[in-house]
Amino acid sequence: MSYQVLARKYRPHSFEELRGQEHVVQALANALTQQRLHHAYLFTGTRGVGKTTVSRILAKSLNCTGADGQGTITAQPCGVCEACRDIDAGRFVDYVELDAASNRGVEEISQLLDQSVYKPVVGRFKVYMIDEVHMLSNTAFNAMLKTLEEPPDYLKFVLATTDPQKVPVTVLSRCLQFNLRPMAPQTVLSHLSAVLEAEQVVADAGALRLLARAARGSMRDALSLTDQAIAFGAGALVEAGVRQMLGTVDRGHVVAILDALVAADGAAVVAQADGLRSLGLSAAGTLEDLASLLQQTAVAQAAPKAVDDQDPDSAEARRLAGLLPADEIQLMYSMALHGRQELGLAPDEYAGLTMVLLRMLAFRPGGIATNPALNQAAAPPRKPEPAPAPAPAPVSAPLLRPAAPSLVVRPPEPKPSPV
């Protein structure tokens, strides 16, 4: 039997199994329960947050007939009737998924709309799901406007996109829009724990925490990385192996960099950057982890109760919160974020990392701490400056009378000689 990847094997099949999208689940469940159904839905959000999954669950809710075949529209599809099983398997005739990235022309949309005049074959509703709808051409959007505004009663549109700003406002105004949020790392971590427990895979808490952070809010990315980590670790997830696979920097290096910045020790900062170069660790990953630790430090300083005690980095964040002022934390955090953008402009990324760290040090009020003895030895001898001459005592000038105007005596002019 062929192996099925975790992202497909553990795709949610009901609203109860969906994680991290409670606001969307509540709105759709209430609409299905009260049967206040809109004819067009637009799901937006980044990759791997559940747009296609919500579309399939919605299609099952609209067409579910129950285990006894007498069911109606419900917010809790049974999952055992023919409609539910066929939609999960991707062979339900009345549920059509169209990839707009490869079918973006007006011809493909016209063919889809031509089929909308026919009633459902086996289901209660026809559901057209158009993924990456922002990739459609302008003529394709214009072709579907009229049908999207007034479709038949048995037709439902579900649109999904990662870039809603590229969707025309004429389409947005005809849809109910739901924004699916990126998953919180805690949500991803708890779901990964449940999946690995079902798979009977041993995993370290630190390894799961690294995978949850690397997913960046995408549950599909988290499960795909977990598949890769299981293969890398030969069936087990160990923090050191996952860190090596992801190429992430050990938090010990980041803590050492911050300790050197706190001590204003320029030599230690440069030594840490050179150590990262020798280990071949990512400079961009170093700045990312540095920004993450500074963020935790700022939270520990402003709201100590909001710090997650289960996170092993919380202890270091609390310690650093007592050593750095709040304004310096914010300044270093901003420099770490902007420094990642400058790495591509530097001669090499490690030189860029060194300059970002030295910039953090230069903008600290204490500056760079150096050895005074080395400074005296390296500085050229200074010539002694001559002592300034004492200022002369003020002499009182005698009172002088104004001098009389001097008389200028001119010689007599010579007389002309007689001829």
Protein backbone atom coordinates (compact mmCIF):
# COMPACT_ATOMS: atom_id res chain seq x y z
CA MET A 1 0.00 0.00 0.00
CA SER A 2 1.35 3.42 -0.95
CA TYR A 3 2.18 5.88 1.79
CA GLN A 4 -0.17 8.81 2.27
CA VAL A 5 1.41 12.03 3.46
CA LEU A 6 0.32 13.44 6.79
CA ALA A 7 -1.18 16.59 5.28
CA ARG A 8 -3.66 14.48 3.28
CA LYS A 9 -4.16 11.71 5.81
CA TYR A 10 -5.11 14.09 8.61
CA ARG A 11 -7.10 16.63 6.61
CA PRO A 12 -10.14 17.65 8.72
CA HIS A 13 -13.44 16.13 7.58
CA SER A 14 -15.77 18.18 9.79
CA PHE A 15 -15.93 21.58 11.39
CA GLU A 16 -15.13 20.04 14.79
CA GLU A 17 -11.77 18.79 13.50
CA LEU A 18 -10.78 22.16 12.04
CA ARG A 19 -8.13 23.95 14.11
CA GLY A 20 -7.42 27.64 14.48
CA GLN A 21 -10.42 28.98 12.50
CA GLU A 22 -13.11 29.18 15.16
CA HIS A 23 -14.50 32.47 13.84
CA VAL A 24 -15.16 30.95 10.41
CA VAL A 25 -16.56 27.72 11.87
CA GLN A 26 -19.01 29.59 14.10
CA ALA A 27 -20.35 31.76 11.27
CA LEU A 28 -20.78 28.86 8.83
CA ALA A 29 -22.24 26.51 11.43
CA ASN A 30 -24.86 29.07 12.49
CA ALA A 31 -25.75 29.81 8.86
CA LEU A 32 -26.18 26.10 8.11
CA THR A 33 -28.22 25.48 11.24
CA GLN A 34 -30.57 28.38 10.49
CA GLN A 35 -30.37 27.68 6.73
CA ARG A 36 -29.50 31.29 5.99
CA LEU A 37 -27.28 30.33 3.07
CA HIS A 38 -25.54 32.75 0.78
CA HIS A 39 -24.96 31.89 -2.85
CA ALA A 40 -21.24 32.84 -2.94
CA TYR A 41 -18.45 32.56 -0.37
CA LEU A 42 -14.92 33.92 -0.56
CA PHE A 43 -12.21 32.39 1.66
CA THR A 44 -8.94 34.31 1.93
CA GLY A 45 -5.74 33.53 3.76
CA THR A 46 -2.18 32.34 3.35
CA ARG A 47 -1.24 28.87 2.13
CA GLY A 48 -2.13 25.86 4.23
CA VAL A 49 -4.69 27.42 6.58
CA GLY A 50 -7.72 25.42 5.38
CA LYS A 51 -9.43 27.21 2.49
CA THR A 52 -9.95 24.06 0.40
CA THR A 53 -10.76 22.04 3.52
CA VAL A 54 -13.51 24.45 4.57
CA SER A 55 -14.90 24.36 1.03
CA ARG A 56 -15.17 20.57 1.07
CA ILE A 57 -16.74 20.50 4.52
CA LEU A 58 -19.26 23.12 3.38
CA ALA A 59 -20.09 21.02 0.31
CA LYS A 60 -20.65 17.97 2.51
CA SER A 61 -22.86 19.96 4.87
CA LEU A 62 -25.03 21.10 1.96
CA ASN A 63 -25.38 17.64 0.41
CA CYS A 64 -25.28 15.30 3.43
CA THR A 65 -28.19 12.87 3.58
CA GLY A 66 -27.33 11.29 6.93
CA ALA A 67 -26.52 7.72 7.77
CA ASP A 68 -30.16 6.73 7.22
CA GLY A 69 -30.54 8.68 3.99
CA GLN A 70 -33.12 11.06 5.49
CA GLY A 71 -30.82 13.87 6.54
CA THR A 72 -30.98 17.49 5.47
CA ILE A 73 -28.67 20.50 5.50
CA THR A 74 -26.56 20.25 8.63
CA ALA A 75 -23.50 21.77 10.25
CA GLN A 76 -22.31 18.29 11.26
CA PRO A 77 -22.00 16.09 8.14
CA CYS A 78 -22.18 12.42 8.94
CA GLY A 79 -19.19 11.38 6.88
CA VAL A 80 -20.71 7.97 6.04
CA CYS A 81 -23.36 8.77 3.45
CA GLU A 82 -22.57 8.51 -0.23
CA ALA A 83 -22.28 12.25 -0.74
CA CYS A 84 -19.83 12.69 2.14
CA ARG A 85 -17.68 9.78 1.06
CA ASP A 86 -17.60 10.85 -2.57
CA ILE A 87 -16.66 14.44 -1.72
CA ASP A 88 -13.83 13.22 0.52
CA ALA A 89 -12.64 10.94 -2.27
CA GLY A 90 -12.90 13.69 -4.91
CA ARG A 91 -15.41 11.92 -7.14
CA PHE A 92 -18.68 13.73 -6.34
CA VAL A 93 -20.24 14.81 -9.61
CA ASP A 94 -21.90 17.95 -8.27
CA TYR A 95 -18.77 19.27 -6.53
CA VAL A 96 -16.32 20.82 -9.00
CA GLU A 97 -12.92 22.19 -8.03
CA LEU A 98 -11.30 24.46 -10.61
CA ASP A 99 -7.72 25.70 -10.37
CA ALA A 100 -7.78 29.25 -11.69
CA ALA A 101 -3.98 29.33 -11.96
CA SER A 102 -4.10 26.89 -14.88
CA ASN A 103 -7.65 27.66 -16.08
CA ARG A 104 -7.66 31.43 -16.07
CA GLY A 105 -9.14 32.17 -19.47
CA VAL A 106 -12.67 33.10 -20.40
CA GLU A 107 -13.12 29.82 -22.32
CA GLU A 108 -12.67 27.68 -19.21
CA ILE A 109 -15.02 29.85 -17.14
CA SER A 110 -17.61 29.85 -19.92
CA GLN A 111 -17.55 26.05 -20.06
CA LEU A 112 -18.06 25.91 -16.30
CA LEU A 113 -20.93 28.37 -16.39
CA ASP A 114 -22.61 26.54 -19.29
CA GLN A 115 -23.02 23.53 -16.98
CA SER A 116 -24.61 25.64 -14.26
CA VAL A 117 -27.99 25.70 -16.04
CA TYR A 118 -28.43 21.97 -15.34
CA LYS A 119 -29.69 20.82 -11.96
CA PRO A 120 -27.58 18.61 -9.68
CA VAL A 121 -27.25 15.01 -10.76
CA VAL A 122 -27.09 13.23 -7.40
CA GLY A 123 -26.75 15.95 -4.78
CA ARG A 124 -28.90 18.63 -3.26
CA PHE A 125 -26.68 21.49 -4.44
CA LYS A 126 -24.08 22.09 -7.09
CA VAL A 127 -20.93 23.58 -5.58
CA TYR A 128 -18.33 25.28 -7.77
CA MET A 129 -15.03 25.80 -5.95
CA ILE A 130 -12.56 28.09 -7.79
CA ASP A 131 -9.14 28.06 -6.15
CA GLU A 132 -6.66 30.95 -6.55
CA VAL A 133 -9.46 32.99 -8.08
CA HIS A 134 -7.28 36.12 -8.28
CA MET A 135 -5.43 34.47 -11.20
CA LEU A 136 -8.46 34.77 -13.50
CA SER A 137 -8.21 37.22 -16.35
CA ASN A 138 -10.38 40.33 -16.48
CA THR A 139 -12.54 38.87 -19.22
CA ALA A 140 -13.07 35.72 -17.17
CA PHE A 141 -14.16 37.80 -14.19
CA ASN A 142 -16.56 39.78 -16.35
CA ALA A 143 -17.99 36.56 -17.81
CA MET A 144 -18.94 35.19 -14.40
CA LEU A 145 -20.30 38.39 -12.84
CA LYS A 146 -23.94 37.91 -13.86
CA THR A 147 -24.10 34.26 -12.82
CA LEU A 148 -22.25 35.05 -9.59
CA GLU A 149 -24.80 37.74 -8.74
CA GLU A 150 -27.97 35.75 -9.47
CA PRO A 151 -27.18 32.04 -9.68
CA PRO A 152 -29.85 29.33 -9.64
CA ASP A 153 -31.11 28.22 -6.24
CA TYR A 154 -29.25 24.93 -6.47
CA LEU A 155 -25.84 26.51 -7.26
CA LYS A 156 -23.27 27.70 -4.71
CA PHE A 157 -19.98 29.39 -5.49
CA VAL A 158 -16.93 29.00 -3.24
CA LEU A 159 -13.94 31.16 -4.15
CA ALA A 160 -10.53 30.89 -2.51
CA THR A 161 -7.51 33.16 -2.85
CA THR A 162 -4.25 34.05 -1.16
CA ASP A 163 -4.31 37.60 -2.55
CA PRO A 164 -7.77 39.18 -2.21
CA GLN A 165 -6.48 42.59 -3.27
CA LYS A 166 -6.26 41.33 -6.85
CA VAL A 167 -9.91 40.29 -6.90
CA PRO A 168 -12.14 42.96 -8.48
CA VAL A 169 -14.46 44.79 -6.14
CA THR A 170 -17.38 43.76 -8.33
CA VAL A 171 -16.67 40.16 -7.32
CA LEU A 172 -16.00 40.98 -3.68
CA SER A 173 -19.34 42.74 -3.36
CA ARG A 174 -21.18 39.61 -4.47
CA CYS A 175 -19.58 37.27 -1.91
CA LEU A 176 -19.51 36.66 1.81
CA GLN A 177 -15.84 37.07 2.68
CA PHE A 178 -14.10 35.05 5.42
CA ASN A 179 -10.47 35.64 6.31
CA LEU A 180 -8.75 32.48 7.53
CA ARG A 181 -6.02 33.46 9.96
CA PRO A 182 -2.51 31.98 10.17
CA MET A 183 -2.21 29.32 12.85
CA ALA A 184 -0.65 30.24 16.17
CA PRO A 185 2.49 28.21 17.02
CA GLN A 186 0.72 26.75 20.07
CA THR A 187 -2.16 25.54 17.88
CA VAL A 188 0.24 23.93 15.41
CA LEU A 189 2.23 22.32 18.22
CA SER A 190 -0.84 20.77 19.85
CA HIS A 191 -2.06 19.41 16.51
CA LEU A 192 1.34 17.96 15.69
CA SER A 193 1.43 16.25 19.07
CA ALA A 194 -1.95 14.61 18.39
CA VAL A 195 -0.90 13.53 14.89
CA LEU A 196 2.40 12.00 16.04
CA GLU A 197 0.66 10.25 18.90
CA ALA A 198 -1.74 8.67 16.42
CA GLU A 199 1.21 7.74 14.19
CA GLN A 200 3.09 6.34 17.23
CA VAL A 201 6.16 8.46 16.50
CA VAL A 202 8.40 9.51 19.38
CA ALA A 203 9.08 13.25 19.35
CA ASP A 204 10.87 15.69 21.61
CA ALA A 205 9.02 18.77 22.79
CA GLY A 206 11.85 20.93 21.45
CA ALA A 207 11.61 19.32 18.01
CA LEU A 208 7.87 19.99 17.83
CA ARG A 209 8.44 23.58 18.91
CA LEU A 210 10.96 24.07 16.10
CA LEU A 211 8.56 22.60 13.53
CA ALA A 212 5.69 24.78 14.77
CA ARG A 213 7.82 27.91 14.41
CA ALA A 214 9.14 26.92 10.99
CA ALA A 215 5.59 26.39 9.68
CA ARG A 216 4.92 30.15 9.92
CA GLY A 217 1.20 29.75 10.50
CA SER A 218 0.56 27.05 7.89
CA MET A 219 -0.70 23.70 9.14
CA ARG A 220 0.07 22.03 5.83
CA ASP A 221 3.66 23.26 5.97
CA ALA A 222 3.93 21.95 9.53
CA LEU A 223 2.75 18.49 8.53
CA SER A 224 5.00 18.44 5.46
CA LEU A 225 8.01 19.41 7.59
CA THR A 226 7.02 16.70 10.05
CA ASP A 227 7.06 14.15 7.24
CA GLN A 228 10.53 15.31 6.29
CA ALA A 229 11.73 15.24 9.90
CA ILE A 230 10.46 11.68 10.37
CA ALA A 231 12.40 10.58 7.32
CA PHE A 232 15.49 12.54 8.44
CA GLY A 233 15.40 11.06 11.94
CA ALA A 234 14.60 7.51 10.79
CA GLY A 235 11.23 7.44 12.53
CA ALA A 236 12.01 9.65 15.53
CA LEU A 237 12.01 13.40 16.06
CA VAL A 238 15.00 14.69 18.04
CA GLU A 239 15.59 18.39 18.57
CA ALA A 240 19.19 18.29 17.36
CA GLY A 241 18.22 16.45 14.17
CA VAL A 242 15.29 18.76 13.43
CA ARG A 243 17.49 21.80 14.05
CA GLN A 244 20.06 20.40 11.63
CA MET A 245 17.38 19.66 9.04
CA LEU A 246 15.87 23.14 9.25
CA GLY A 247 19.26 24.85 9.42
CA THR A 248 18.16 26.88 12.42
CA VAL A 249 20.55 28.40 14.92
CA ASP A 250 20.86 27.02 18.41
CA ARG A 251 19.35 29.45 20.89
CA GLY A 252 22.57 29.21 22.89
CA HIS A 253 24.38 31.22 20.21
CA VAL A 254 21.65 33.85 20.19
CA VAL A 255 21.73 34.15 23.98
CA ALA A 256 25.52 34.50 23.87
CA ILE A 257 25.20 37.32 21.32
CA LEU A 258 22.72 39.16 23.51
CA ASP A 259 24.95 38.69 26.58
CA ALA A 260 27.83 40.22 24.63
CA LEU A 261 25.62 43.14 23.61
CA VAL A 262 24.49 43.64 27.20
CA ALA A 263 28.13 43.69 28.34
CA ALA A 264 29.01 46.09 25.47
CA ASP A 265 31.88 43.76 24.57
CA GLY A 266 32.74 44.31 20.91
CA ALA A 267 35.36 41.55 20.79
CA ALA A 268 32.83 38.99 22.06
CA VAL A 269 30.24 40.11 19.51
CA VAL A 270 32.68 39.68 16.63
CA ALA A 271 33.81 36.32 18.03
CA GLN A 272 30.22 35.07 18.11
CA ALA A 273 29.67 36.12 14.50
CA ASP A 274 32.90 34.36 13.46
CA GLY A 275 31.77 31.26 15.35
CA LEU A 276 28.53 31.18 13.37
CA ARG A 277 30.55 31.44 10.16
CA SER A 278 32.77 28.51 11.16
CA LEU A 279 29.73 26.39 11.98
CA GLY A 280 28.04 27.28 8.70
CA LEU A 281 24.88 28.50 10.42
CA SER A 282 22.49 30.85 8.66
CA ALA A 283 22.98 34.56 9.22
CA ALA A 284 19.35 35.27 8.32
CA GLY A 285 18.22 32.57 10.75
CA THR A 286 20.40 34.11 13.45
CA LEU A 287 18.76 37.51 13.05
CA GLU A 288 15.33 35.89 12.96
CA ASP A 289 15.95 34.00 16.20
CA LEU A 290 17.48 37.13 17.71
CA ALA A 291 14.35 39.12 16.88
CA SER A 292 12.18 36.34 18.32
CA LEU A 293 14.11 36.30 21.59
CA LEU A 294 14.01 40.10 21.82
CA GLN A 295 10.25 39.97 21.29
CA GLN A 296 9.92 37.47 24.14
CA THR A 297 12.14 39.70 26.26
CA ALA A 298 9.95 42.73 25.59
CA VAL A 299 6.83 40.75 26.52
CA ALA A 300 8.49 39.47 29.71
CA GLN A 301 9.37 43.05 30.61
CA ALA A 302 5.99 44.61 29.87
CA ALA A 303 3.65 41.74 30.82
CA PRO A 304 5.45 39.01 32.82
CA LYS A 305 2.29 36.93 33.21
CA ALA A 306 1.88 36.64 29.44
CA VAL A 307 5.10 34.63 29.05
CA ASP A 308 4.63 30.94 28.30
CA ASP A 309 6.24 29.04 31.16
CA GLN A 310 6.46 25.86 29.09
CA ASP A 311 8.76 27.52 26.58
CA PRO A 312 12.39 26.85 27.57
CA ASP A 313 13.38 30.29 26.26
CA SER A 314 11.17 32.01 28.83
CA ALA A 315 13.84 31.83 31.54
CA GLU A 316 16.39 33.59 29.34
CA ALA A 317 13.81 36.16 28.28
CA ARG A 318 13.05 37.01 31.91
CA ARG A 319 16.76 37.28 32.73
CA LEU A 320 17.46 39.57 29.78
CA ALA A 321 14.40 41.67 30.62
CA GLY A 322 16.14 42.78 33.80
CA LEU A 323 19.37 43.68 32.00
CA LEU A 324 18.17 45.71 29.03
CA PRO A 325 16.07 48.90 29.07
CA ALA A 326 12.83 48.82 27.13
CA ASP A 327 13.98 51.35 24.53
CA GLU A 328 17.15 49.39 23.76
CA ILE A 329 15.14 46.19 23.30
CA GLN A 330 12.90 47.93 20.80
CA LEU A 331 15.89 49.40 18.97
CA MET A 332 17.68 46.05 18.73
CA TYR A 333 14.49 44.35 17.58
CA SER A 334 14.04 46.90 14.79
CA MET A 335 17.68 46.53 13.73
CA ALA A 336 17.38 42.74 13.62
CA LEU A 337 14.31 42.96 11.37
CA HIS A 338 15.80 45.49 8.98
CA GLY A 339 19.18 43.77 9.05
CA ARG A 340 17.73 40.69 7.37
CA GLN A 341 16.88 42.81 4.33
CA GLU A 342 20.47 44.09 4.13
CA LEU A 343 22.14 40.68 4.06
CA GLY A 344 21.70 40.39 0.30
CA LEU A 345 23.44 43.74 -0.19
CA ALA A 346 26.46 42.92 1.98
CA PRO A 347 29.71 41.45 0.54
CA ASP A 348 28.68 38.20 2.24
CA GLU A 349 25.94 37.40 4.71
CA TYR A 350 28.30 36.95 7.65
CA ALA A 351 29.82 40.38 7.06
CA GLY A 352 26.31 41.76 6.99
CA LEU A 353 25.48 39.94 10.24
CA THR A 354 28.61 41.34 11.89
CA MET A 355 27.74 44.88 10.86
CA VAL A 356 24.17 44.55 12.13
CA LEU A 357 25.44 43.34 15.51
CA LEU A 358 28.05 46.10 15.68
CA ARG A 359 25.35 48.62 14.81
CA MET A 360 23.33 47.39 17.79
CA LEU A 361 26.42 47.89 19.90
CA ALA A 362 27.22 51.33 18.50
CA PHE A 363 23.76 52.67 19.27
CA ARG A 364 23.87 51.51 22.88
CA PRO A 365 24.41 54.37 25.37
CA GLY A 366 27.44 52.59 26.83
CA GLY A 367 29.12 52.08 23.49
CA ILE A 368 31.80 49.45 22.97
CA ALA A 369 33.75 48.30 26.00
CA THR A 370 37.50 48.02 25.29
CA ASN A 371 40.62 47.35 27.31
CA PRO A 372 42.18 50.65 28.56
CA ALA A 373 45.68 49.08 28.66
CA LEU A 374 45.41 48.10 24.99
CA ASN A 375 44.19 51.58 24.14
CA GLN A 376 47.19 53.17 25.88
CA ALA A 377 49.62 50.83 24.14
CA ALA A 378 48.11 51.34 20.73
CA ALA A 379 47.73 55.12 20.99
CA PRO A 380 50.73 57.24 19.82
CA PRO A 381 52.55 59.19 22.53
CA ARG A 382 51.20 62.65 22.93
CA LYS A 383 53.62 65.58 23.17
CA PRO A 384 53.32 67.62 26.34
CA GLU A 385 51.67 70.87 25.65
CA PRO A 386 53.61 73.98 26.81
CA ALA A 387 52.31 75.63 29.87
CA PRO A 388 50.48 78.81 29.04
CA ALA A 389 52.38 82.01 29.88
CA PRO A 390 50.98 83.97 32.80
CA ALA A 391 48.89 86.87 31.74
CA PRO A 392 50.58 90.26 32.36
CA ALA A 393 49.21 92.36 35.14
CA PRO A 394 47.03 95.16 33.91
CA VAL A 395 48.85 98.52 33.80
CA SER A 396 46.88 101.61 34.60
CA ALA A 397 47.43 104.15 31.81
CA PRO A 398 48.07 107.79 32.89
CA LEU A 399 45.48 110.34 32.14
CA LEU A 400 46.60 112.06 28.94
CA ARG A 401 45.43 115.33 27.61
CA PRO A 402 44.50 115.59 23.97
CA ALA A 403 47.52 116.72 21.94
CA ALA A 404 47.41 120.03 20.13
CA PRO A 405 47.18 119.79 16.43
CA SER A 406 50.64 119.79 14.85
CA LEU A 407 51.62 122.61 12.48
CA VAL A 408 52.92 121.52 9.13
CA VAL A 409 55.64 123.89 7.81
CA ARG A 410 55.89 123.99 4.08
CA PRO A 411 59.04 125.21 2.30
CA PRO A 412 58.67 128.48 0.37
CA GLU A 413 58.02 128.16 -3.29
CA PRO A 414 60.93 129.17 -5.49
CA LYS A 415 60.56 132.48 -7.31
CA PRO A 416 60.87 132.44 -11.09
CA SER A 417 64.28 133.71 -12.30
CA PRO A 418 64.24 136.87 -14.40
CA VAL A 419 64.86 136.48 -18.10
